[in-house]
Amino acid sequence: LYSEWLHNDMSYNDMLRATIKDRATSAV
């Protein structure tokens, strides 16, 4: 599963950026 994660198109960083963007939008 870890190996599959490493080869997945969606990265952890993408999820982090989406989380930051969502929270920034609600904070605005």
mmCIF file of all heavy atoms, coordinates in Angstrom:
data_MODEL
# 
_entry.id   MODEL 
# 
loop_
_atom_site.group_PDB 
_atom_site.id 
_atom_site.type_symbol 
_atom_site.label_atom_id 
_atom_site.label_alt_id 
_atom_site.label_comp_id 
_atom_site.label_asym_id 
_atom_site.label_entity_id 
_atom_site.label_seq_id 
_atom_site.pdbx_PDB_ins_code 
_atom_site.Cartn_x 
_atom_site.Cartn_y 
_atom_site.Cartn_z 
_atom_site.occupancy 
_atom_site.B_iso_or_equiv 
_atom_site.pdbx_formal_charge 
_atom_site.auth_seq_id 
_atom_site.auth_comp_id 
_atom_site.auth_asym_id 
_atom_site.auth_atom_id 
_atom_site.pdbx_PDB_model_num 
ATOM 1   N N   . LEU A 1 1  ? 0.831   -1.208 0.000   1.00 0.00 ? 1  LEU A N   1 
ATOM 2   C CA  . LEU A 1 1  ? 0.000   0.000  0.000   1.00 0.00 ? 1  LEU A CA  1 
ATOM 3   C C   . LEU A 1 1  ? 0.862   1.254  0.000   1.00 0.00 ? 1  LEU A C   1 
ATOM 4   O O   . LEU A 1 1  ? 0.556   2.236  -0.684  1.00 0.00 ? 1  LEU A O   1 
ATOM 5   C CB  . LEU A 1 1  ? -0.942  -0.006 1.201   1.00 0.00 ? 1  LEU A CB  1 
ATOM 6   C CG  . LEU A 1 1  ? -2.058  -1.044 1.135   1.00 0.00 ? 1  LEU A CG  1 
ATOM 7   C CD1 . LEU A 1 1  ? -2.730  -1.199 2.491   1.00 0.00 ? 1  LEU A CD1 1 
ATOM 8   C CD2 . LEU A 1 1  ? -3.076  -0.675 0.063   1.00 0.00 ? 1  LEU A CD2 1 
ATOM 9   N N   . TYR A 1 2  ? 1.950   1.229  0.754   1.00 0.00 ? 2  TYR A N   1 
ATOM 10  C CA  . TYR A 1 2  ? 2.862   2.379  0.780   1.00 0.00 ? 2  TYR A CA  1 
ATOM 11  C C   . TYR A 1 2  ? 3.475   2.590  -0.605  1.00 0.00 ? 2  TYR A C   1 
ATOM 12  O O   . TYR A 1 2  ? 3.541   3.721  -1.095  1.00 0.00 ? 2  TYR A O   1 
ATOM 13  C CB  . TYR A 1 2  ? 3.963   2.169  1.829   1.00 0.00 ? 2  TYR A CB  1 
ATOM 14  C CG  . TYR A 1 2  ? 4.979   3.286  1.832   1.00 0.00 ? 2  TYR A CG  1 
ATOM 15  C CD1 . TYR A 1 2  ? 4.644   4.567  2.278   1.00 0.00 ? 2  TYR A CD1 1 
ATOM 16  C CD2 . TYR A 1 2  ? 6.272   3.075  1.371   1.00 0.00 ? 2  TYR A CD2 1 
ATOM 17  C CE1 . TYR A 1 2  ? 5.569   5.589  2.267   1.00 0.00 ? 2  TYR A CE1 1 
ATOM 18  C CE2 . TYR A 1 2  ? 7.195   4.096  1.371   1.00 0.00 ? 2  TYR A CE2 1 
ATOM 19  C CZ  . TYR A 1 2  ? 6.843   5.351  1.813   1.00 0.00 ? 2  TYR A CZ  1 
ATOM 20  O OH  . TYR A 1 2  ? 7.764   6.375  1.797   1.00 0.00 ? 2  TYR A OH  1 
ATOM 21  N N   . SER A 1 3  ? 3.884   1.522  -1.229  1.00 0.00 ? 3  SER A N   1 
ATOM 22  C CA  . SER A 1 3  ? 4.446   1.616  -2.574  1.00 0.00 ? 3  SER A CA  1 
ATOM 23  C C   . SER A 1 3  ? 3.415   2.186  -3.551  1.00 0.00 ? 3  SER A C   1 
ATOM 24  O O   . SER A 1 3  ? 3.734   3.043  -4.387  1.00 0.00 ? 3  SER A O   1 
ATOM 25  C CB  . SER A 1 3  ? 4.908   0.238  -3.039  1.00 0.00 ? 3  SER A CB  1 
ATOM 26  O OG  . SER A 1 3  ? 5.451   0.312  -4.327  1.00 0.00 ? 3  SER A OG  1 
ATOM 27  N N   . GLU A 1 4  ? 2.180   1.725  -3.426  1.00 0.00 ? 4  GLU A N   1 
ATOM 28  C CA  . GLU A 1 4  ? 1.102   2.246  -4.278  1.00 0.00 ? 4  GLU A CA  1 
ATOM 29  C C   . GLU A 1 4  ? 0.909   3.742  -4.038  1.00 0.00 ? 4  GLU A C   1 
ATOM 30  O O   . GLU A 1 4  ? 0.708   4.518  -4.966  1.00 0.00 ? 4  GLU A O   1 
ATOM 31  C CB  . GLU A 1 4  ? -0.195  1.485  -3.985  1.00 0.00 ? 4  GLU A CB  1 
ATOM 32  C CG  . GLU A 1 4  ? -1.376  1.902  -4.823  1.00 0.00 ? 4  GLU A CG  1 
ATOM 33  C CD  . GLU A 1 4  ? -1.317  1.393  -6.255  1.00 0.00 ? 4  GLU A CD  1 
ATOM 34  O OE1 . GLU A 1 4  ? -0.568  0.436  -6.531  1.00 0.00 ? 4  GLU A OE1 1 
ATOM 35  O OE2 . GLU A 1 4  ? -2.022  1.977  -7.102  1.00 0.00 ? 4  GLU A OE2 1 
ATOM 36  N N   . TRP A 1 5  ? 0.978   4.144  -2.774  1.00 0.00 ? 5  TRP A N   1 
ATOM 37  C CA  . TRP A 1 5  ? 0.839   5.566  -2.415  1.00 0.00 ? 5  TRP A CA  1 
ATOM 38  C C   . TRP A 1 5  ? 1.919   6.390  -3.112  1.00 0.00 ? 5  TRP A C   1 
ATOM 39  O O   . TRP A 1 5  ? 1.654   7.450  -3.651  1.00 0.00 ? 5  TRP A O   1 
ATOM 40  C CB  . TRP A 1 5  ? 0.924   5.745  -0.900  1.00 0.00 ? 5  TRP A CB  1 
ATOM 41  C CG  . TRP A 1 5  ? 1.055   7.185  -0.517  1.00 0.00 ? 5  TRP A CG  1 
ATOM 42  C CD1 . TRP A 1 5  ? 2.191   7.847  -0.165  1.00 0.00 ? 5  TRP A CD1 1 
ATOM 43  C CD2 . TRP A 1 5  ? 0.013   8.163  -0.487  1.00 0.00 ? 5  TRP A CD2 1 
ATOM 44  N NE1 . TRP A 1 5  ? 1.912   9.167  0.088   1.00 0.00 ? 5  TRP A NE1 1 
ATOM 45  C CE2 . TRP A 1 5  ? 0.587   9.385  -0.103  1.00 0.00 ? 5  TRP A CE2 1 
ATOM 46  C CE3 . TRP A 1 5  ? -1.355  8.119  -0.751  1.00 0.00 ? 5  TRP A CE3 1 
ATOM 47  C CZ2 . TRP A 1 5  ? -0.149  10.552 0.033   1.00 0.00 ? 5  TRP A CZ2 1 
ATOM 48  C CZ3 . TRP A 1 5  ? -2.093  9.286  -0.619  1.00 0.00 ? 5  TRP A CZ3 1 
ATOM 49  C CH2 . TRP A 1 5  ? -1.492  10.477 -0.232  1.00 0.00 ? 5  TRP A CH2 1 
ATOM 50  N N   . LEU A 1 6  ? 3.150   5.890  -3.098  1.00 0.00 ? 6  LEU A N   1 
ATOM 51  C CA  . LEU A 1 6  ? 4.258   6.631  -3.710  1.00 0.00 ? 6  LEU A CA  1 
ATOM 52  C C   . LEU A 1 6  ? 4.059   6.818  -5.205  1.00 0.00 ? 6  LEU A C   1 
ATOM 53  O O   . LEU A 1 6  ? 4.550   7.789  -5.782  1.00 0.00 ? 6  LEU A O   1 
ATOM 54  C CB  . LEU A 1 6  ? 5.586   5.914  -3.446  1.00 0.00 ? 6  LEU A CB  1 
ATOM 55  C CG  . LEU A 1 6  ? 6.068   5.927  -2.004  1.00 0.00 ? 6  LEU A CG  1 
ATOM 56  C CD1 . LEU A 1 6  ? 7.347   5.109  -1.874  1.00 0.00 ? 6  LEU A CD1 1 
ATOM 57  C CD2 . LEU A 1 6  ? 6.281   7.347  -1.491  1.00 0.00 ? 6  LEU A CD2 1 
ATOM 58  N N   . HIS A 1 7  ? 3.337   5.895  -5.833  1.00 0.00 ? 7  HIS A N   1 
ATOM 59  C CA  . HIS A 1 7  ? 3.115   5.973  -7.276  1.00 0.00 ? 7  HIS A CA  1 
ATOM 60  C C   . HIS A 1 7  ? 1.747   6.554  -7.635  1.00 0.00 ? 7  HIS A C   1 
ATOM 61  O O   . HIS A 1 7  ? 1.389   6.612  -8.805  1.00 0.00 ? 7  HIS A O   1 
ATOM 62  C CB  . HIS A 1 7  ? 3.295   4.582  -7.901  1.00 0.00 ? 7  HIS A CB  1 
ATOM 63  C CG  . HIS A 1 7  ? 4.688   4.083  -7.746  1.00 0.00 ? 7  HIS A CG  1 
ATOM 64  N ND1 . HIS A 1 7  ? 5.055   3.226  -6.728  1.00 0.00 ? 7  HIS A ND1 1 
ATOM 65  C CD2 . HIS A 1 7  ? 5.819   4.358  -8.428  1.00 0.00 ? 7  HIS A CD2 1 
ATOM 66  C CE1 . HIS A 1 7  ? 6.343   2.991  -6.813  1.00 0.00 ? 7  HIS A CE1 1 
ATOM 67  N NE2 . HIS A 1 7  ? 6.835   3.656  -7.824  1.00 0.00 ? 7  HIS A NE2 1 
ATOM 68  N N   . ASN A 1 8  ? 1.010   6.974  -6.629  1.00 0.00 ? 8  ASN A N   1 
ATOM 69  C CA  . ASN A 1 8  ? -0.316  7.551  -6.831  1.00 0.00 ? 8  ASN A CA  1 
ATOM 70  C C   . ASN A 1 8  ? -0.169  8.962  -7.397  1.00 0.00 ? 8  ASN A C   1 
ATOM 71  O O   . ASN A 1 8  ? 0.746   9.686  -7.052  1.00 0.00 ? 8  ASN A O   1 
ATOM 72  C CB  . ASN A 1 8  ? -1.041  7.586  -5.479  1.00 0.00 ? 8  ASN A CB  1 
ATOM 73  C CG  . ASN A 1 8  ? -2.513  7.853  -5.608  1.00 0.00 ? 8  ASN A CG  1 
ATOM 74  O OD1 . ASN A 1 8  ? -2.955  8.549  -6.501  1.00 0.00 ? 8  ASN A OD1 1 
ATOM 75  N ND2 . ASN A 1 8  ? -3.277  7.307  -4.690  1.00 0.00 ? 8  ASN A ND2 1 
ATOM 76  N N   . ASP A 1 9  ? -1.099  9.363  -8.239  1.00 0.00 ? 9  ASP A N   1 
ATOM 77  C CA  . ASP A 1 9  ? -1.056  10.704 -8.818  1.00 0.00 ? 9  ASP A CA  1 
ATOM 78  C C   . ASP A 1 9  ? -1.357  11.791 -7.800  1.00 0.00 ? 9  ASP A C   1 
ATOM 79  O O   . ASP A 1 9  ? -0.899  12.911 -7.938  1.00 0.00 ? 9  ASP A O   1 
ATOM 80  C CB  . ASP A 1 9  ? -2.050  10.822 -9.986  1.00 0.00 ? 9  ASP A CB  1 
ATOM 81  C CG  . ASP A 1 9  ? -1.573  10.079 -11.215 1.00 0.00 ? 9  ASP A CG  1 
ATOM 82  O OD1 . ASP A 1 9  ? -0.365  9.809  -11.320 1.00 0.00 ? 9  ASP A OD1 1 
ATOM 83  O OD2 . ASP A 1 9  ? -2.407  9.772  -12.078 1.00 0.00 ? 9  ASP A OD2 1 
ATOM 84  N N   . MET A 1 10 ? -2.136  11.476 -6.790  1.00 0.00 ? 10 MET A N   1 
ATOM 85  C CA  . MET A 1 10 ? -2.473  12.478 -5.782  1.00 0.00 ? 10 MET A CA  1 
ATOM 86  C C   . MET A 1 10 ? -1.412  12.450 -4.690  1.00 0.00 ? 10 MET A C   1 
ATOM 87  O O   . MET A 1 10 ? -1.110  11.413 -4.131  1.00 0.00 ? 10 MET A O   1 
ATOM 88  C CB  . MET A 1 10 ? -3.839  12.202 -5.162  1.00 0.00 ? 10 MET A CB  1 
ATOM 89  C CG  . MET A 1 10 ? -4.221  13.201 -4.112  1.00 0.00 ? 10 MET A CG  1 
ATOM 90  S SD  . MET A 1 10 ? -5.926  12.976 -3.633  1.00 0.00 ? 10 MET A SD  1 
ATOM 91  C CE  . MET A 1 10 ? -6.341  14.641 -3.251  1.00 0.00 ? 10 MET A CE  1 
ATOM 92  N N   . SER A 1 11 ? -0.841  13.576 -4.418  1.00 0.00 ? 11 SER A N   1 
ATOM 93  C CA  . SER A 1 11 ? 0.208   13.609 -3.408  1.00 0.00 ? 11 SER A CA  1 
ATOM 94  C C   . SER A 1 11 ? -0.343  14.138 -2.087  1.00 0.00 ? 11 SER A C   1 
ATOM 95  O O   . SER A 1 11 ? -1.358  14.821 -2.035  1.00 0.00 ? 11 SER A O   1 
ATOM 96  C CB  . SER A 1 11 ? 1.371   14.485 -3.866  1.00 0.00 ? 11 SER A CB  1 
ATOM 97  O OG  . SER A 1 11 ? 1.053   15.848 -3.719  1.00 0.00 ? 11 SER A OG  1 
ATOM 98  N N   . TYR A 1 12 ? 0.383   13.824 -1.061  1.00 0.00 ? 12 TYR A N   1 
ATOM 99  C CA  . TYR A 1 12 ? 0.057   14.320 0.276   1.00 0.00 ? 12 TYR A CA  1 
ATOM 100 C C   . TYR A 1 12 ? 0.111   15.844 0.280   1.00 0.00 ? 12 TYR A C   1 
ATOM 101 O O   . TYR A 1 12 ? -0.718  16.501 0.883   1.00 0.00 ? 12 TYR A O   1 
ATOM 102 C CB  . TYR A 1 12 ? 1.066   13.727 1.254   1.00 0.00 ? 12 TYR A CB  1 
ATOM 103 C CG  . TYR A 1 12 ? 0.634   13.682 2.689   1.00 0.00 ? 12 TYR A CG  1 
ATOM 104 C CD1 . TYR A 1 12 ? -0.458  12.933 3.083   1.00 0.00 ? 12 TYR A CD1 1 
ATOM 105 C CD2 . TYR A 1 12 ? 1.339   14.373 3.660   1.00 0.00 ? 12 TYR A CD2 1 
ATOM 106 C CE1 . TYR A 1 12 ? -0.850  12.857 4.401   1.00 0.00 ? 12 TYR A CE1 1 
ATOM 107 C CE2 . TYR A 1 12 ? 0.959   14.311 4.989   1.00 0.00 ? 12 TYR A CE2 1 
ATOM 108 C CZ  . TYR A 1 12 ? -0.135  13.551 5.358   1.00 0.00 ? 12 TYR A CZ  1 
ATOM 109 O OH  . TYR A 1 12 ? -0.507  13.492 6.663   1.00 0.00 ? 12 TYR A OH  1 
ATOM 110 N N   . ASN A 1 13 ? 1.087   16.388 -0.461  1.00 0.00 ? 13 ASN A N   1 
ATOM 111 C CA  . ASN A 1 13 ? 1.203   17.839 -0.548  1.00 0.00 ? 13 ASN A CA  1 
ATOM 112 C C   . ASN A 1 13 ? -0.021  18.465 -1.197  1.00 0.00 ? 13 ASN A C   1 
ATOM 113 O O   . ASN A 1 13 ? -0.454  19.551 -0.801  1.00 0.00 ? 13 ASN A O   1 
ATOM 114 C CB  . ASN A 1 13 ? 2.476   18.241 -1.297  1.00 0.00 ? 13 ASN A CB  1 
ATOM 115 C CG  . ASN A 1 13 ? 3.711   18.020 -0.476  1.00 0.00 ? 13 ASN A CG  1 
ATOM 116 O OD1 . ASN A 1 13 ? 3.664   18.053 0.751   1.00 0.00 ? 13 ASN A OD1 1 
ATOM 117 N ND2 . ASN A 1 13 ? 4.824   17.785 -1.129  1.00 0.00 ? 13 ASN A ND2 1 
ATOM 118 N N   . ASP A 1 14 ? -0.594  17.792 -2.197  1.00 0.00 ? 14 ASP A N   1 
ATOM 119 C CA  . ASP A 1 14 ? -1.823  18.291 -2.816  1.00 0.00 ? 14 ASP A CA  1 
ATOM 120 C C   . ASP A 1 14 ? -2.947  18.366 -1.777  1.00 0.00 ? 14 ASP A C   1 
ATOM 121 O O   . ASP A 1 14 ? -3.704  19.337 -1.733  1.00 0.00 ? 14 ASP A O   1 
ATOM 122 C CB  . ASP A 1 14 ? -2.276  17.391 -3.971  1.00 0.00 ? 14 ASP A CB  1 
ATOM 123 C CG  . ASP A 1 14 ? -1.360  17.473 -5.180  1.00 0.00 ? 14 ASP A CG  1 
ATOM 124 O OD1 . ASP A 1 14 ? -0.627  18.473 -5.315  1.00 0.00 ? 14 ASP A OD1 1 
ATOM 125 O OD2 . ASP A 1 14 ? -1.384  16.518 -5.991  1.00 0.00 ? 14 ASP A OD2 1 
ATOM 126 N N   . MET A 1 15 ? -3.031  17.330 -0.939  1.00 0.00 ? 15 MET A N   1 
ATOM 127 C CA  . MET A 1 15 ? -4.069  17.328 0.100   1.00 0.00 ? 15 MET A CA  1 
ATOM 128 C C   . MET A 1 15 ? -3.810  18.422 1.130   1.00 0.00 ? 15 MET A C   1 
ATOM 129 O O   . MET A 1 15 ? -4.733  19.078 1.599   1.00 0.00 ? 15 MET A O   1 
ATOM 130 C CB  . MET A 1 15 ? -4.152  15.956 0.758   1.00 0.00 ? 15 MET A CB  1 
ATOM 131 C CG  . MET A 1 15 ? -4.647  14.890 -0.193  1.00 0.00 ? 15 MET A CG  1 
ATOM 132 S SD  . MET A 1 15 ? -4.980  13.252 0.524   1.00 0.00 ? 15 MET A SD  1 
ATOM 133 C CE  . MET A 1 15 ? -3.685  13.002 1.678   1.00 0.00 ? 15 MET A CE  1 
ATOM 134 N N   . LEU A 1 16 ? -2.550  18.626 1.495   1.00 0.00 ? 16 LEU A N   1 
ATOM 135 C CA  . LEU A 1 16 ? -2.216  19.695 2.442   1.00 0.00 ? 16 LEU A CA  1 
ATOM 136 C C   . LEU A 1 16 ? -2.559  21.059 1.863   1.00 0.00 ? 16 LEU A C   1 
ATOM 137 O O   . LEU A 1 16 ? -3.158  21.901 2.555   1.00 0.00 ? 16 LEU A O   1 
ATOM 138 C CB  . LEU A 1 16 ? -0.734  19.643 2.810   1.00 0.00 ? 16 LEU A CB  1 
ATOM 139 C CG  . LEU A 1 16 ? -0.286  18.471 3.657   1.00 0.00 ? 16 LEU A CG  1 
ATOM 140 C CD1 . LEU A 1 16 ? 1.229   18.470 3.799   1.00 0.00 ? 16 LEU A CD1 1 
ATOM 141 C CD2 . LEU A 1 16 ? -0.950  18.477 5.018   1.00 0.00 ? 16 LEU A CD2 1 
ATOM 142 N N   . ARG A 1 17 ? -2.185  21.294 0.593   1.00 0.00 ? 17 ARG A N   1 
ATOM 143 C CA  . ARG A 1 17 ? -2.507  22.576 -0.045  1.00 0.00 ? 17 ARG A CA  1 
ATOM 144 C C   . ARG A 1 17 ? -4.011  22.797 -0.112  1.00 0.00 ? 17 ARG A C   1 
ATOM 145 O O   . ARG A 1 17 ? -4.498  23.898 0.131   1.00 0.00 ? 17 ARG A O   1 
ATOM 146 C CB  . ARG A 1 17 ? -1.886  22.637 -1.436  1.00 0.00 ? 17 ARG A CB  1 
ATOM 147 C CG  . ARG A 1 17 ? -0.392  22.939 -1.415  1.00 0.00 ? 17 ARG A CG  1 
ATOM 148 C CD  . ARG A 1 17 ? 0.158   23.221 -2.813  1.00 0.00 ? 17 ARG A CD  1 
ATOM 149 N NE  . ARG A 1 17 ? 0.274   22.022 -3.624  1.00 0.00 ? 17 ARG A NE  1 
ATOM 150 C CZ  . ARG A 1 17 ? 1.317   21.208 -3.613  1.00 0.00 ? 17 ARG A CZ  1 
ATOM 151 N NH1 . ARG A 1 17 ? 2.331   21.453 -2.833  1.00 0.00 ? 17 ARG A NH1 1 
ATOM 152 N NH2 . ARG A 1 17 ? 1.343   20.150 -4.390  1.00 0.00 ? 17 ARG A NH2 1 
ATOM 153 N N   . ALA A 1 18 ? -4.770  21.743 -0.417  1.00 0.00 ? 18 ALA A N   1 
ATOM 154 C CA  . ALA A 1 18 ? -6.232  21.863 -0.470  1.00 0.00 ? 18 ALA A CA  1 
ATOM 155 C C   . ALA A 1 18 ? -6.795  22.197 0.905   1.00 0.00 ? 18 ALA A C   1 
ATOM 156 O O   . ALA A 1 18 ? -7.703  23.028 1.035   1.00 0.00 ? 18 ALA A O   1 
ATOM 157 C CB  . ALA A 1 18 ? -6.852  20.570 -1.009  1.00 0.00 ? 18 ALA A CB  1 
ATOM 158 N N   . THR A 1 19 ? -6.243  21.594 1.935   1.00 0.00 ? 19 THR A N   1 
ATOM 159 C CA  . THR A 1 19 ? -6.688  21.875 3.307   1.00 0.00 ? 19 THR A CA  1 
ATOM 160 C C   . THR A 1 19 ? -6.398  23.325 3.675   1.00 0.00 ? 19 THR A C   1 
ATOM 161 O O   . THR A 1 19 ? -7.252  24.021 4.244   1.00 0.00 ? 19 THR A O   1 
ATOM 162 C CB  . THR A 1 19 ? -5.989  20.920 4.298   1.00 0.00 ? 19 THR A CB  1 
ATOM 163 O OG1 . THR A 1 19 ? -6.352  19.581 3.969   1.00 0.00 ? 19 THR A OG1 1 
ATOM 164 C CG2 . THR A 1 19 ? -6.372  21.228 5.732   1.00 0.00 ? 19 THR A CG2 1 
ATOM 165 N N   . ILE A 1 20 ? -5.207  23.786 3.354   1.00 0.00 ? 20 ILE A N   1 
ATOM 166 C CA  . ILE A 1 20 ? -4.834  25.176 3.652   1.00 0.00 ? 20 ILE A CA  1 
ATOM 167 C C   . ILE A 1 20 ? -5.745  26.134 2.898   1.00 0.00 ? 20 ILE A C   1 
ATOM 168 O O   . ILE A 1 20 ? -6.252  27.112 3.464   1.00 0.00 ? 20 ILE A O   1 
ATOM 169 C CB  . ILE A 1 20 ? -3.355  25.419 3.307   1.00 0.00 ? 20 ILE A CB  1 
ATOM 170 C CG1 . ILE A 1 20 ? -2.464  24.623 4.267   1.00 0.00 ? 20 ILE A CG1 1 
ATOM 171 C CG2 . ILE A 1 20 ? -3.013  26.908 3.342   1.00 0.00 ? 20 ILE A CG2 1 
ATOM 172 C CD1 . ILE A 1 20 ? -1.010  24.515 3.828   1.00 0.00 ? 20 ILE A CD1 1 
ATOM 173 N N   . LYS A 1 21 ? -5.972  25.850 1.622   1.00 0.00 ? 21 LYS A N   1 
ATOM 174 C CA  . LYS A 1 21 ? -6.833  26.709 0.802   1.00 0.00 ? 21 LYS A CA  1 
ATOM 175 C C   . LYS A 1 21 ? -8.258  26.745 1.352   1.00 0.00 ? 21 LYS A C   1 
ATOM 176 O O   . LYS A 1 21 ? -8.867  27.812 1.471   1.00 0.00 ? 21 LYS A O   1 
ATOM 177 C CB  . LYS A 1 21 ? -6.824  26.209 -0.652  1.00 0.00 ? 21 LYS A CB  1 
ATOM 178 C CG  . LYS A 1 21 ? -7.674  27.013 -1.591  1.00 0.00 ? 21 LYS A CG  1 
ATOM 179 C CD  . LYS A 1 21 ? -7.089  28.367 -1.853  1.00 0.00 ? 21 LYS A CD  1 
ATOM 180 C CE  . LYS A 1 21 ? -7.857  29.070 -2.955  1.00 0.00 ? 21 LYS A CE  1 
ATOM 181 N NZ  . LYS A 1 21 ? -7.570  30.481 -3.012  1.00 0.00 ? 21 LYS A NZ  1 
ATOM 182 N N   . ASP A 1 22 ? -8.806  25.578 1.717   1.00 0.00 ? 22 ASP A N   1 
ATOM 183 C CA  . ASP A 1 22 ? -10.161 25.515 2.268   1.00 0.00 ? 22 ASP A CA  1 
ATOM 184 C C   . ASP A 1 22 ? -10.273 26.328 3.555   1.00 0.00 ? 22 ASP A C   1 
ATOM 185 O O   . ASP A 1 22 ? -11.234 27.075 3.749   1.00 0.00 ? 22 ASP A O   1 
ATOM 186 C CB  . ASP A 1 22 ? -10.577 24.069 2.543   1.00 0.00 ? 22 ASP A CB  1 
ATOM 187 C CG  . ASP A 1 22 ? -10.798 23.266 1.271   1.00 0.00 ? 22 ASP A CG  1 
ATOM 188 O OD1 . ASP A 1 22 ? -10.880 23.862 0.176   1.00 0.00 ? 22 ASP A OD1 1 
ATOM 189 O OD2 . ASP A 1 22 ? -10.873 22.022 1.379   1.00 0.00 ? 22 ASP A OD2 1 
ATOM 190 N N   . ARG A 1 23 ? -9.288  26.178 4.442   1.00 0.00 ? 23 ARG A N   1 
ATOM 191 C CA  . ARG A 1 23 ? -9.348  26.900 5.719   1.00 0.00 ? 23 ARG A CA  1 
ATOM 192 C C   . ARG A 1 23 ? -9.139  28.392 5.514   1.00 0.00 ? 23 ARG A C   1 
ATOM 193 O O   . ARG A 1 23 ? -9.782  29.221 6.168   1.00 0.00 ? 23 ARG A O   1 
ATOM 194 C CB  . ARG A 1 23 ? -8.302  26.355 6.701   1.00 0.00 ? 23 ARG A CB  1 
ATOM 195 C CG  . ARG A 1 23 ? -8.401  27.004 8.067   1.00 0.00 ? 23 ARG A CG  1 
ATOM 196 C CD  . ARG A 1 23 ? -9.804  26.759 8.679   1.00 0.00 ? 23 ARG A CD  1 
ATOM 197 N NE  . ARG A 1 23 ? -9.969  27.470 9.913   1.00 0.00 ? 23 ARG A NE  1 
ATOM 198 C CZ  . ARG A 1 23 ? -10.796 28.506 10.098  1.00 0.00 ? 23 ARG A CZ  1 
ATOM 199 N NH1 . ARG A 1 23 ? -11.559 28.941 9.111   1.00 0.00 ? 23 ARG A NH1 1 
ATOM 200 N NH2 . ARG A 1 23 ? -10.884 29.090 11.267  1.00 0.00 ? 23 ARG A NH2 1 
ATOM 201 N N   . ALA A 1 24 ? -8.261  28.773 4.581   1.00 0.00 ? 24 ALA A N   1 
ATOM 202 C CA  . ALA A 1 24 ? -8.050  30.193 4.292   1.00 0.00 ? 24 ALA A CA  1 
ATOM 203 C C   . ALA A 1 24 ? -9.323  30.825 3.738   1.00 0.00 ? 24 ALA A C   1 
ATOM 204 O O   . ALA A 1 24 ? -9.693  31.938 4.119   1.00 0.00 ? 24 ALA A O   1 
ATOM 205 C CB  . ALA A 1 24 ? -6.891  30.369 3.310   1.00 0.00 ? 24 ALA A CB  1 
ATOM 206 N N   . THR A 1 25 ? -10.008 30.098 2.882   1.00 0.00 ? 25 THR A N   1 
ATOM 207 C CA  . THR A 1 25 ? -11.267 30.598 2.310   1.00 0.00 ? 25 THR A CA  1 
ATOM 208 C C   . THR A 1 25 ? -12.302 30.828 3.408   1.00 0.00 ? 25 THR A C   1 
ATOM 209 O O   . THR A 1 25 ? -12.975 31.867 3.437   1.00 0.00 ? 25 THR A O   1 
ATOM 210 C CB  . THR A 1 25 ? -11.803 29.616 1.249   1.00 0.00 ? 25 THR A CB  1 
ATOM 211 O OG1 . THR A 1 25 ? -10.828 29.496 0.210   1.00 0.00 ? 25 THR A OG1 1 
ATOM 212 C CG2 . THR A 1 25 ? -13.122 30.083 0.666   1.00 0.00 ? 25 THR A CG2 1 
ATOM 213 N N   . SER A 1 26 ? -12.437 29.872 4.321   1.00 0.00 ? 26 SER A N   1 
ATOM 214 C CA  . SER A 1 26 ? -13.413 30.048 5.404   1.00 0.00 ? 26 SER A CA  1 
ATOM 215 C C   . SER A 1 26 ? -12.961 31.145 6.367   1.00 0.00 ? 26 SER A C   1 
ATOM 216 O O   . SER A 1 26 ? -13.791 31.877 6.907   1.00 0.00 ? 26 SER A O   1 
ATOM 217 C CB  . SER A 1 26 ? -13.673 28.724 6.139   1.00 0.00 ? 26 SER A CB  1 
ATOM 218 O OG  . SER A 1 26 ? -12.520 28.254 6.771   1.00 0.00 ? 26 SER A OG  1 
ATOM 219 N N   . ALA A 1 27 ? -11.657 31.301 6.569   1.00 0.00 ? 27 ALA A N   1 
ATOM 220 C CA  . ALA A 1 27 ? -11.156 32.374 7.438   1.00 0.00 ? 27 ALA A CA  1 
ATOM 221 C C   . ALA A 1 27 ? -11.462 33.743 6.830   1.00 0.00 ? 27 ALA A C   1 
ATOM 222 O O   . ALA A 1 27 ? -11.800 34.693 7.556   1.00 0.00 ? 27 ALA A O   1 
ATOM 223 C CB  . ALA A 1 27 ? -9.655  32.219 7.677   1.00 0.00 ? 27 ALA A CB  1 
ATOM 224 N N   . VAL A 1 28 ? -11.366 33.857 5.510   1.00 0.00 ? 28 VAL A N   1 
ATOM 225 C CA  . VAL A 1 28 ? -11.711 35.114 4.832   1.00 0.00 ? 28 VAL A CA  1 
ATOM 226 C C   . VAL A 1 28 ? -13.191 35.411 5.037   1.00 0.00 ? 28 VAL A C   1 
ATOM 227 O O   . VAL A 1 28 ? -13.572 36.552 5.348   1.00 0.00 ? 28 VAL A O   1 
ATOM 228 C CB  . VAL A 1 28 ? -11.348 35.048 3.327   1.00 0.00 ? 28 VAL A CB  1 
ATOM 229 C CG1 . VAL A 1 28 ? -11.977 36.205 2.554   1.00 0.00 ? 28 VAL A CG1 1 
ATOM 230 C CG2 . VAL A 1 28 ? -9.838  35.030 3.140   1.00 0.00 ? 28 VAL A CG2 1 
# 
